[in-house]
Amino acid sequence: MQSTTPAPQEPTLAQKQAQLAENLAKIDRAQARRQAKAAPPPPSTAITLEDHILEATDDILRVSAGLQSFLTLLELQSDTIPQGIGLHALLLPLKQQLVDTADRLQALV
């Protein structure tokens, strides 16, 4: 007795191309949704030159504070590490330059 169910047919080339195009469209839509979710919101106000100056000043002052901590450590260890005095003498003028630069930038605002 023969089976009455038809044998499954191989998809044609046109069907395969249509399925591929559909899959690519799905991927494009998914990527667009992902990018839309990941995109940062537009800034509510324009960033001004003043904001950039203040940000740069903050950065300089943070570096200066770190350098001051290092200078303090060198002062505390100056009697045990003789090279600390030389390092302190080299770094202190650099720290002062940072402070002076921050002061000049703040004067622009």
C-alpha atoms as a PDB file:
ATOM      1  CA  MET A   1       0.000   0.000   0.000  1.00  0.00           C
ATOM      2  CA  GLN A   2       1.297   3.418  -0.915  1.00  0.00           C
ATOM      3  CA  SER A   3       1.333   6.437   1.331  1.00  0.00           C
ATOM      4  CA  THR A   4      -1.074   9.229   0.469  1.00  0.00           C
ATOM      5  CA  THR A   5       0.991  12.011   1.999  1.00  0.00           C
ATOM      6  CA  PRO A   6       2.908  14.034  -0.561  1.00  0.00           C
ATOM      7  CA  ALA A   7       6.690  14.075  -0.354  1.00  0.00           C
ATOM      8  CA  PRO A   8       8.127  17.326   1.014  1.00  0.00           C
ATOM      9  CA  GLN A   9       9.382  19.565  -1.735  1.00  0.00           C
ATOM     10  CA  GLU A  10      12.662  21.426  -1.688  1.00  0.00           C
ATOM     11  CA  PRO A  11      12.186  25.185  -1.595  1.00  0.00           C
ATOM     12  CA  THR A  12      12.932  26.825  -4.889  1.00  0.00           C
ATOM     13  CA  LEU A  13      15.727  29.310  -5.364  1.00  0.00           C
ATOM     14  CA  ALA A  14      13.220  32.169  -5.411  1.00  0.00           C
ATOM     15  CA  GLN A  15      11.723  30.967  -2.115  1.00  0.00           C
ATOM     16  CA  LYS A  16      15.183  30.726  -0.542  1.00  0.00           C
ATOM     17  CA  GLN A  17      16.032  34.248  -1.701  1.00  0.00           C
ATOM     18  CA  ALA A  18      12.731  35.570  -0.354  1.00  0.00           C
ATOM     19  CA  GLN A  19      13.358  33.892   3.019  1.00  0.00           C
ATOM     20  CA  LEU A  20      16.892  35.298   3.117  1.00  0.00           C
ATOM     21  CA  ALA A  21      15.619  38.808   2.358  1.00  0.00           C
ATOM     22  CA  GLU A  22      12.995  38.459   5.089  1.00  0.00           C
ATOM     23  CA  ASN A  23      15.599  37.300   7.607  1.00  0.00           C
ATOM     24  CA  LEU A  24      17.921  40.184   6.704  1.00  0.00           C
ATOM     25  CA  ALA A  25      15.047  42.639   7.123  1.00  0.00           C
ATOM     26  CA  LYS A  26      14.330  41.201  10.585  1.00  0.00           C
ATOM     27  CA  ILE A  27      17.992  41.588  11.541  1.00  0.00           C
ATOM     28  CA  ASP A  28      18.027  45.191  10.288  1.00  0.00           C
ATOM     29  CA  ARG A  29      14.912  46.019  12.321  1.00  0.00           C
ATOM     30  CA  ALA A  30      16.377  44.381  15.435  1.00  0.00           C
ATOM     31  CA  GLN A  31      19.644  46.295  15.047  1.00  0.00           C
ATOM     32  CA  ALA A  32      17.772  49.560  14.553  1.00  0.00           C
ATOM     33  CA  ARG A  33      15.772  48.956  17.745  1.00  0.00           C
ATOM     34  CA  ARG A  34      18.956  48.099  19.654  1.00  0.00           C
ATOM     35  CA  GLN A  35      20.705  51.254  18.424  1.00  0.00           C
ATOM     36  CA  ALA A  36      17.689  53.398  19.250  1.00  0.00           C
ATOM     37  CA  LYS A  37      17.729  52.083  22.814  1.00  0.00           C
ATOM     38  CA  ALA A  38      21.500  52.520  23.157  1.00  0.00           C
ATOM     39  CA  ALA A  39      21.669  56.005  21.646  1.00  0.00           C
ATOM     40  CA  PRO A  40      22.270  58.659  24.308  1.00  0.00           C
ATOM     41  CA  PRO A  41      19.566  61.259  24.642  1.00  0.00           C
ATOM     42  CA  PRO A  42      20.345  64.543  22.949  1.00  0.00           C
ATOM     43  CA  PRO A  43      21.766  67.130  25.348  1.00  0.00           C
ATOM     44  CA  SER A  44      19.158  69.451  26.728  1.00  0.00           C
ATOM     45  CA  THR A  45      21.444  72.467  26.534  1.00  0.00           C
ATOM     46  CA  ALA A  46      24.418  73.270  24.397  1.00  0.00           C
ATOM     47  CA  ILE A  47      27.806  72.863  26.041  1.00  0.00           C
ATOM     48  CA  THR A  48      29.372  76.269  26.289  1.00  0.00           C
ATOM     49  CA  LEU A  49      32.976  77.342  26.294  1.00  0.00           C
ATOM     50  CA  GLU A  50      32.542  78.203  29.953  1.00  0.00           C
ATOM     51  CA  ASP A  51      31.547  74.587  30.693  1.00  0.00           C
ATOM     52  CA  HIS A  52      34.660  73.324  28.882  1.00  0.00           C
ATOM     53  CA  ILE A  53      36.865  75.722  30.840  1.00  0.00           C
ATOM     54  CA  LEU A  54      35.358  74.665  34.155  1.00  0.00           C
ATOM     55  CA  GLU A  55      35.747  70.987  33.251  1.00  0.00           C
ATOM     56  CA  ALA A  56      39.394  71.492  32.274  1.00  0.00           C
ATOM     57  CA  THR A  57      40.003  73.426  35.478  1.00  0.00           C
ATOM     58  CA  ASP A  58      38.514  70.591  37.538  1.00  0.00           C
ATOM     59  CA  ASP A  59      40.769  68.096  35.769  1.00  0.00           C
ATOM     60  CA  ILE A  60      43.846  70.217  36.419  1.00  0.00           C
ATOM     61  CA  LEU A  61      42.928  70.653  40.082  1.00  0.00           C
ATOM     62  CA  ARG A  62      42.452  66.878  40.480  1.00  0.00           C
ATOM     63  CA  VAL A  63      45.924  66.261  39.046  1.00  0.00           C
ATOM     64  CA  SER A  64      47.299  68.975  41.307  1.00  0.00           C
ATOM     65  CA  ALA A  65      45.690  67.363  44.380  1.00  0.00           C
ATOM     66  CA  GLY A  66      47.190  63.993  43.456  1.00  0.00           C
ATOM     67  CA  LEU A  67      50.574  65.593  42.978  1.00  0.00           C
ATOM     68  CA  GLN A  68      50.229  67.328  46.372  1.00  0.00           C
ATOM     69  CA  SER A  69      49.585  63.940  48.005  1.00  0.00           C
ATOM     70  CA  PHE A  70      52.739  62.586  46.400  1.00  0.00           C
ATOM     71  CA  LEU A  71      54.735  65.626  47.547  1.00  0.00           C
ATOM     72  CA  THR A  72      53.454  65.160  51.106  1.00  0.00           C
ATOM     73  CA  LEU A  73      54.509  61.512  51.017  1.00  0.00           C
ATOM     74  CA  LEU A  74      57.975  62.541  49.825  1.00  0.00           C
ATOM     75  CA  GLU A  75      58.229  65.073  52.670  1.00  0.00           C
ATOM     76  CA  LEU A  76      57.269  62.435  55.233  1.00  0.00           C
ATOM     77  CA  GLN A  77      59.877  59.998  53.910  1.00  0.00           C
ATOM     78  CA  SER A  78      62.621  62.538  53.224  1.00  0.00           C
ATOM     79  CA  ASP A  79      64.752  61.373  56.175  1.00  0.00           C
ATOM     80  CA  THR A  80      64.606  57.708  55.097  1.00  0.00           C
ATOM     81  CA  ILE A  81      64.846  58.150  51.306  1.00  0.00           C
ATOM     82  CA  PRO A  82      67.429  60.749  50.262  1.00  0.00           C
ATOM     83  CA  GLN A  83      66.239  60.774  46.644  1.00  0.00           C
ATOM     84  CA  GLY A  84      62.878  62.018  47.896  1.00  0.00           C
ATOM     85  CA  ILE A  85      64.293  65.503  48.388  1.00  0.00           C
ATOM     86  CA  GLY A  86      65.364  65.672  44.745  1.00  0.00           C
ATOM     87  CA  LEU A  87      61.985  64.407  43.528  1.00  0.00           C
ATOM     88  CA  HIS A  88      60.223  66.918  45.720  1.00  0.00           C
ATOM     89  CA  ALA A  89      62.349  69.711  44.293  1.00  0.00           C
ATOM     90  CA  LEU A  90      61.481  68.630  40.737  1.00  0.00           C
ATOM     91  CA  LEU A  91      57.757  68.119  41.287  1.00  0.00           C
ATOM     92  CA  LEU A  92      56.922  71.158  43.413  1.00  0.00           C
ATOM     93  CA  PRO A  93      57.359  73.657  40.522  1.00  0.00           C
ATOM     94  CA  LEU A  94      55.191  71.437  38.280  1.00  0.00           C
ATOM     95  CA  LYS A  95      52.442  71.421  40.887  1.00  0.00           C
ATOM     96  CA  GLN A  96      52.656  75.199  41.153  1.00  0.00           C
ATOM     97  CA  GLN A  97      52.349  75.477  37.359  1.00  0.00           C
ATOM     98  CA  LEU A  98      49.188  73.389  37.495  1.00  0.00           C
ATOM     99  CA  VAL A  99      47.692  75.630  40.169  1.00  0.00           C
ATOM    100  CA  ASP A 100      48.630  78.772  38.246  1.00  0.00           C
ATOM    101  CA  THR A 101      47.090  77.379  35.053  1.00  0.00           C
ATOM    102  CA  ALA A 102      43.882  76.480  36.879  1.00  0.00           C
ATOM    103  CA  ASP A 103      43.724  79.996  38.326  1.00  0.00           C
ATOM    104  CA  ARG A 104      44.159  81.560  34.873  1.00  0.00           C
ATOM    105  CA  LEU A 105      41.438  79.344  33.421  1.00  0.00           C
ATOM    106  CA  GLN A 106      39.048  80.201  36.231  1.00  0.00           C
ATOM    107  CA  ALA A 107      39.705  83.888  35.641  1.00  0.00           C
ATOM    108  CA  LEU A 108      38.395  83.456  32.067  1.00  0.00           C
ATOM    109  CA  VAL A 109      34.995  82.364  33.328  1.00  0.00           C
END
